[in-house]
Amino acid sequence: MPQQILDLRKEAFSYVPSDPSWRFLSKSDECTIFRAAVKSGDIIDAEEIISTGLKLHNDIAQIFNGSPPGWMYETVYTNNDCLIYIMIIGSPRSGMGNAASG
């Protein structure tokens, strides 16, 4: 993400309430930067990748810890093989591109 966009978002976040949605959006910028660093090869150390990913995960979980019930997500388990499902949905025949390639 271009630095100008990050700076703009950081400034904008300083003017909004500190509810979970805005804090999550701010933390998602950090996730975007982290993913870009891994994808570009700027971060290649497995321990650093795992520890940073876990820190981001914990930070995001903390945002929603103690939030009102309406903010909580629900885990839904299925018997479907998700990888196959993604590959079928993302097949060129479905017109949705290749979702499995990320």
N, C-alpha and C. Protein backbone atom coordinates (compact mmCIF):
# COMPACT_ATOMS: atom_id res chain seq x y z
N MET A 1 0.86 -1.17 0.00
CA MET A 1 0.00 0.00 0.00
C MET A 1 0.91 1.23 0.00
N PRO A 2 0.64 2.19 -0.85
CA PRO A 2 1.49 3.40 -0.90
C PRO A 2 1.50 4.13 0.44
N GLN A 3 2.66 4.67 0.79
CA GLN A 3 2.83 5.35 2.07
C GLN A 3 1.83 6.51 2.23
N GLN A 4 1.54 7.22 1.14
CA GLN A 4 0.60 8.33 1.22
C GLN A 4 -0.79 7.86 1.68
N ILE A 5 -1.21 6.70 1.20
CA ILE A 5 -2.50 6.15 1.59
C ILE A 5 -2.47 5.76 3.07
N LEU A 6 -1.38 5.13 3.49
CA LEU A 6 -1.25 4.76 4.90
C LEU A 6 -1.29 5.99 5.79
N ASP A 7 -0.58 7.04 5.39
CA ASP A 7 -0.57 8.28 6.17
C ASP A 7 -1.96 8.90 6.24
N LEU A 8 -2.66 8.90 5.11
CA LEU A 8 -4.01 9.45 5.06
C LEU A 8 -4.96 8.67 5.97
N ARG A 9 -4.87 7.33 5.90
CA ARG A 9 -5.73 6.49 6.74
C ARG A 9 -5.41 6.68 8.21
N LYS A 10 -4.13 6.78 8.54
CA LYS A 10 -3.74 6.99 9.93
C LYS A 10 -4.33 8.30 10.46
N GLU A 11 -4.26 9.34 9.66
CA GLU A 11 -4.83 10.63 10.05
C GLU A 11 -6.35 10.52 10.19
N ALA A 12 -6.99 9.86 9.24
CA ALA A 12 -8.45 9.72 9.30
C ALA A 12 -8.87 8.93 10.53
N PHE A 13 -8.13 7.87 10.86
CA PHE A 13 -8.48 7.06 12.03
C PHE A 13 -8.37 7.84 13.33
N SER A 14 -7.58 8.90 13.34
CA SER A 14 -7.44 9.69 14.56
C SER A 14 -8.70 10.53 14.84
N TYR A 15 -9.60 10.64 13.85
CA TYR A 15 -10.81 11.45 14.00
C TYR A 15 -12.07 10.63 14.23
N VAL A 16 -11.96 9.31 14.22
CA VAL A 16 -13.16 8.47 14.35
C VAL A 16 -13.21 7.85 15.74
N PRO A 17 -14.41 7.42 16.16
CA PRO A 17 -14.52 6.79 17.47
C PRO A 17 -13.69 5.50 17.54
N SER A 18 -13.36 5.12 18.73
CA SER A 18 -12.53 3.93 18.91
C SER A 18 -13.38 2.68 19.08
N ASP A 19 -14.34 2.49 18.16
CA ASP A 19 -15.13 1.26 18.25
C ASP A 19 -14.41 0.14 17.51
N PRO A 20 -14.85 -1.10 17.70
CA PRO A 20 -14.12 -2.22 17.10
C PRO A 20 -13.95 -2.14 15.59
N SER A 21 -14.91 -1.60 14.87
CA SER A 21 -14.79 -1.57 13.41
C SER A 21 -13.63 -0.70 12.96
N TRP A 22 -13.47 0.46 13.55
CA TRP A 22 -12.38 1.35 13.14
C TRP A 22 -11.03 0.82 13.59
N ARG A 23 -10.99 0.23 14.78
CA ARG A 23 -9.72 -0.34 15.25
C ARG A 23 -9.33 -1.54 14.38
N PHE A 24 -10.33 -2.32 13.95
CA PHE A 24 -10.05 -3.43 13.05
C PHE A 24 -9.53 -2.94 11.70
N LEU A 25 -10.14 -1.92 11.15
CA LEU A 25 -9.67 -1.39 9.87
C LEU A 25 -8.24 -0.88 9.97
N SER A 26 -7.92 -0.24 11.06
CA SER A 26 -6.55 0.22 11.28
C SER A 26 -5.58 -0.96 11.35
N LYS A 27 -5.96 -1.99 12.07
CA LYS A 27 -5.10 -3.18 12.20
C LYS A 27 -5.00 -3.92 10.86
N SER A 28 -6.04 -3.85 10.04
CA SER A 28 -5.98 -4.52 8.74
C SER A 28 -4.92 -3.89 7.84
N ASP A 29 -4.64 -2.60 8.03
CA ASP A 29 -3.54 -1.98 7.29
C ASP A 29 -2.22 -2.66 7.65
N GLU A 30 -2.03 -2.96 8.92
CA GLU A 30 -0.81 -3.65 9.34
C GLU A 30 -0.73 -5.04 8.70
N CYS A 31 -1.88 -5.71 8.60
CA CYS A 31 -1.92 -7.02 7.95
C CYS A 31 -1.55 -6.91 6.47
N THR A 32 -2.03 -5.86 5.83
CA THR A 32 -1.72 -5.64 4.41
C THR A 32 -0.23 -5.42 4.21
N ILE A 33 0.36 -4.62 5.06
CA ILE A 33 1.80 -4.35 4.98
C ILE A 33 2.59 -5.63 5.23
N PHE A 34 2.17 -6.40 6.23
CA PHE A 34 2.84 -7.66 6.55
C PHE A 34 2.76 -8.63 5.38
N ARG A 35 1.58 -8.78 4.81
CA ARG A 35 1.42 -9.71 3.68
C ARG A 35 2.28 -9.29 2.49
N ALA A 36 2.32 -8.00 2.23
CA ALA A 36 3.14 -7.51 1.12
C ALA A 36 4.62 -7.79 1.38
N ALA A 37 5.05 -7.63 2.62
CA ALA A 37 6.46 -7.88 2.96
C ALA A 37 6.82 -9.35 2.79
N VAL A 38 5.89 -10.24 3.15
CA VAL A 38 6.14 -11.67 2.98
C VAL A 38 6.13 -12.02 1.50
N LYS A 39 5.14 -11.53 0.78
CA LYS A 39 5.00 -11.86 -0.64
C LYS A 39 6.18 -11.35 -1.46
N SER A 40 6.70 -10.17 -1.10
CA SER A 40 7.81 -9.59 -1.86
C SER A 40 9.16 -10.18 -1.48
N GLY A 41 9.19 -10.95 -0.38
CA GLY A 41 10.44 -11.54 0.06
C GLY A 41 11.21 -10.65 1.02
N ASP A 42 10.63 -9.52 1.42
CA ASP A 42 11.29 -8.65 2.40
C ASP A 42 11.40 -9.34 3.75
N ILE A 43 10.45 -10.21 4.06
CA ILE A 43 10.51 -11.02 5.28
C ILE A 43 10.53 -12.47 4.83
N ILE A 44 11.63 -13.16 5.14
CA ILE A 44 11.73 -14.57 4.72
C ILE A 44 11.99 -15.51 5.89
N ASP A 45 12.34 -14.96 7.04
CA ASP A 45 12.62 -15.77 8.21
C ASP A 45 11.32 -16.37 8.74
N ALA A 46 11.24 -17.70 8.77
CA ALA A 46 10.00 -18.38 9.17
C ALA A 46 9.57 -17.98 10.58
N GLU A 47 10.52 -17.88 11.49
CA GLU A 47 10.16 -17.51 12.87
C GLU A 47 9.56 -16.11 12.93
N GLU A 48 10.12 -15.18 12.16
CA GLU A 48 9.59 -13.82 12.13
C GLU A 48 8.20 -13.78 11.51
N ILE A 49 8.00 -14.56 10.45
CA ILE A 49 6.69 -14.61 9.79
C ILE A 49 5.64 -15.14 10.76
N ILE A 50 5.97 -16.24 11.42
CA ILE A 50 5.00 -16.85 12.35
C ILE A 50 4.73 -15.94 13.53
N SER A 51 5.77 -15.37 14.12
CA SER A 51 5.56 -14.53 15.31
C SER A 51 4.79 -13.26 14.96
N THR A 52 5.08 -12.68 13.79
CA THR A 52 4.35 -11.48 13.38
C THR A 52 2.89 -11.82 13.09
N GLY A 53 2.66 -12.94 12.40
CA GLY A 53 1.29 -13.36 12.11
C GLY A 53 0.50 -13.62 13.39
N LEU A 54 1.14 -14.27 14.36
CA LEU A 54 0.46 -14.54 15.63
C LEU A 54 0.18 -13.25 16.39
N LYS A 55 1.12 -12.31 16.34
CA LYS A 55 0.90 -11.02 17.02
C LYS A 55 -0.29 -10.29 16.40
N LEU A 56 -0.34 -10.26 15.08
CA LEU A 56 -1.47 -9.60 14.40
C LEU A 56 -2.78 -10.30 14.76
N HIS A 57 -2.76 -11.62 14.76
CA HIS A 57 -3.96 -12.38 15.12
C HIS A 57 -4.40 -12.03 16.54
N ASN A 58 -3.48 -12.04 17.46
CA ASN A 58 -3.81 -11.72 18.85
C ASN A 58 -4.30 -10.28 19.00
N ASP A 59 -3.68 -9.35 18.28
CA ASP A 59 -4.12 -7.95 18.34
C ASP A 59 -5.56 -7.82 17.85
N ILE A 60 -5.88 -8.52 16.76
CA ILE A 60 -7.24 -8.45 16.22
C ILE A 60 -8.22 -9.12 17.18
N ALA A 61 -7.83 -10.25 17.76
CA ALA A 61 -8.71 -10.91 18.73
C ALA A 61 -8.96 -10.00 19.92
N GLN A 62 -7.95 -9.26 20.34
CA GLN A 62 -8.08 -8.35 21.48
C GLN A 62 -9.05 -7.21 21.18
N ILE A 63 -9.09 -6.77 19.93
CA ILE A 63 -10.01 -5.69 19.54
C ILE A 63 -11.45 -6.11 19.85
N PHE A 64 -11.76 -7.37 19.57
CA PHE A 64 -13.13 -7.84 19.73
C PHE A 64 -13.39 -8.48 21.09
N ASN A 65 -12.36 -8.61 21.91
CA ASN A 65 -12.53 -9.17 23.25
C ASN A 65 -13.34 -8.19 24.09
N GLY A 66 -14.45 -8.64 24.62
CA GLY A 66 -15.29 -7.77 25.44
C GLY A 66 -16.23 -6.89 24.63
N SER A 67 -16.29 -7.09 23.33
CA SER A 67 -17.20 -6.31 22.50
C SER A 67 -18.63 -6.78 22.72
N PRO A 68 -19.60 -5.94 22.37
CA PRO A 68 -21.00 -6.37 22.48
C PRO A 68 -21.25 -7.63 21.65
N PRO A 69 -22.23 -8.44 22.03
CA PRO A 69 -22.49 -9.70 21.33
C PRO A 69 -22.68 -9.54 19.82
N GLY A 70 -23.23 -8.43 19.38
CA GLY A 70 -23.44 -8.22 17.95
C GLY A 70 -22.16 -8.13 17.14
N TRP A 71 -21.05 -7.88 17.81
CA TRP A 71 -19.76 -7.78 17.13
C TRP A 71 -19.08 -9.13 16.97
N MET A 72 -19.53 -10.14 17.69
CA MET A 72 -18.86 -11.42 17.68
C MET A 72 -19.23 -12.21 16.43
N TYR A 73 -18.28 -13.00 15.95
CA TYR A 73 -18.52 -13.83 14.78
C TYR A 73 -19.00 -15.21 15.23
N GLU A 74 -19.53 -15.94 14.29
CA GLU A 74 -19.99 -17.29 14.57
C GLU A 74 -19.23 -18.24 13.66
N THR A 75 -18.65 -19.27 14.23
CA THR A 75 -17.96 -20.28 13.45
C THR A 75 -19.00 -21.31 13.00
N VAL A 76 -19.04 -21.55 11.70
CA VAL A 76 -19.99 -22.51 11.15
C VAL A 76 -19.19 -23.65 10.54
N TYR A 77 -19.41 -24.84 11.04
CA TYR A 77 -18.71 -26.02 10.53
C TYR A 77 -19.58 -26.71 9.50
N THR A 78 -18.92 -27.18 8.45
CA THR A 78 -19.63 -27.92 7.41
C THR A 78 -18.91 -29.23 7.15
N ASN A 79 -19.55 -30.07 6.38
CA ASN A 79 -18.92 -31.33 5.98
C ASN A 79 -18.27 -31.20 4.61
N ASN A 80 -18.34 -30.02 4.03
CA ASN A 80 -17.78 -29.81 2.70
C ASN A 80 -16.27 -29.73 2.75
N ASP A 81 -15.62 -30.17 1.69
CA ASP A 81 -14.18 -30.00 1.55
C ASP A 81 -13.96 -28.59 1.00
N CYS A 82 -13.53 -27.68 1.84
CA CYS A 82 -13.45 -26.27 1.48
C CYS A 82 -12.52 -26.03 0.30
N LEU A 83 -11.39 -26.75 0.22
CA LEU A 83 -10.47 -26.54 -0.89
C LEU A 83 -11.16 -26.85 -2.20
N ILE A 84 -11.88 -27.95 -2.24
CA ILE A 84 -12.60 -28.31 -3.47
C ILE A 84 -13.67 -27.26 -3.76
N TYR A 85 -14.37 -26.81 -2.75
CA TYR A 85 -15.40 -25.78 -2.92
C TYR A 85 -14.81 -24.51 -3.52
N ILE A 86 -13.68 -24.06 -2.99
CA ILE A 86 -13.04 -22.85 -3.50
C ILE A 86 -12.60 -23.05 -4.94
N MET A 87 -12.05 -24.22 -5.22
CA MET A 87 -11.57 -24.46 -6.58
C MET A 87 -12.73 -24.52 -7.56
N ILE A 88 -13.87 -25.07 -7.14
CA ILE A 88 -15.03 -25.13 -8.03
C ILE A 88 -15.58 -23.72 -8.26
N ILE A 89 -15.74 -22.96 -7.19
CA ILE A 89 -16.25 -21.59 -7.33
C ILE A 89 -15.29 -20.75 -8.16
N GLY A 90 -14.01 -20.95 -7.97
CA GLY A 90 -13.02 -20.14 -8.66
C GLY A 90 -12.60 -20.67 -10.00
N SER A 91 -13.28 -21.69 -10.52
CA SER A 91 -12.88 -22.25 -11.80
C SER A 91 -13.23 -21.27 -12.92
N PRO A 92 -12.45 -21.27 -13.98
CA PRO A 92 -12.73 -20.34 -15.09
C PRO A 92 -14.14 -20.50 -15.65
N ARG A 93 -14.73 -21.70 -15.56
CA ARG A 93 -16.08 -21.90 -16.07
C ARG A 93 -17.12 -21.13 -15.28
N SER A 94 -16.82 -20.85 -13.99
CA SER A 94 -17.81 -20.15 -13.18
C SER A 94 -17.80 -18.65 -13.44
N GLY A 95 -16.79 -18.19 -14.17
CA GLY A 95 -16.70 -16.75 -14.46
C GLY A 95 -16.17 -15.92 -13.32
N MET A 96 -15.65 -16.58 -12.26
CA MET A 96 -15.18 -15.85 -11.10
C MET A 96 -13.66 -15.84 -11.00
N GLY A 97 -12.96 -16.33 -12.02
CA GLY A 97 -11.50 -16.34 -11.93
C GLY A 97 -11.03 -17.49 -11.07
N ASN A 98 -9.74 -17.49 -10.76
CA ASN A 98 -9.16 -18.57 -9.97
C ASN A 98 -8.99 -18.12 -8.55
N ALA A 99 -10.00 -18.36 -7.71
CA ALA A 99 -9.98 -17.93 -6.30
C ALA A 99 -8.90 -18.66 -5.53
N ALA A 100 -8.54 -19.86 -5.95
CA ALA A 100 -7.57 -20.64 -5.20
C ALA A 100 -6.16 -20.08 -5.34
N SER A 101 -5.90 -19.26 -6.35
CA SER A 101 -4.54 -18.73 -6.54
C SER A 101 -4.28 -17.52 -5.68
N GLY A 102 -5.30 -16.97 -5.00
CA GLY A 102 -5.15 -15.95 -4.01
C GLY A 102 -4.93 -14.60 -4.50
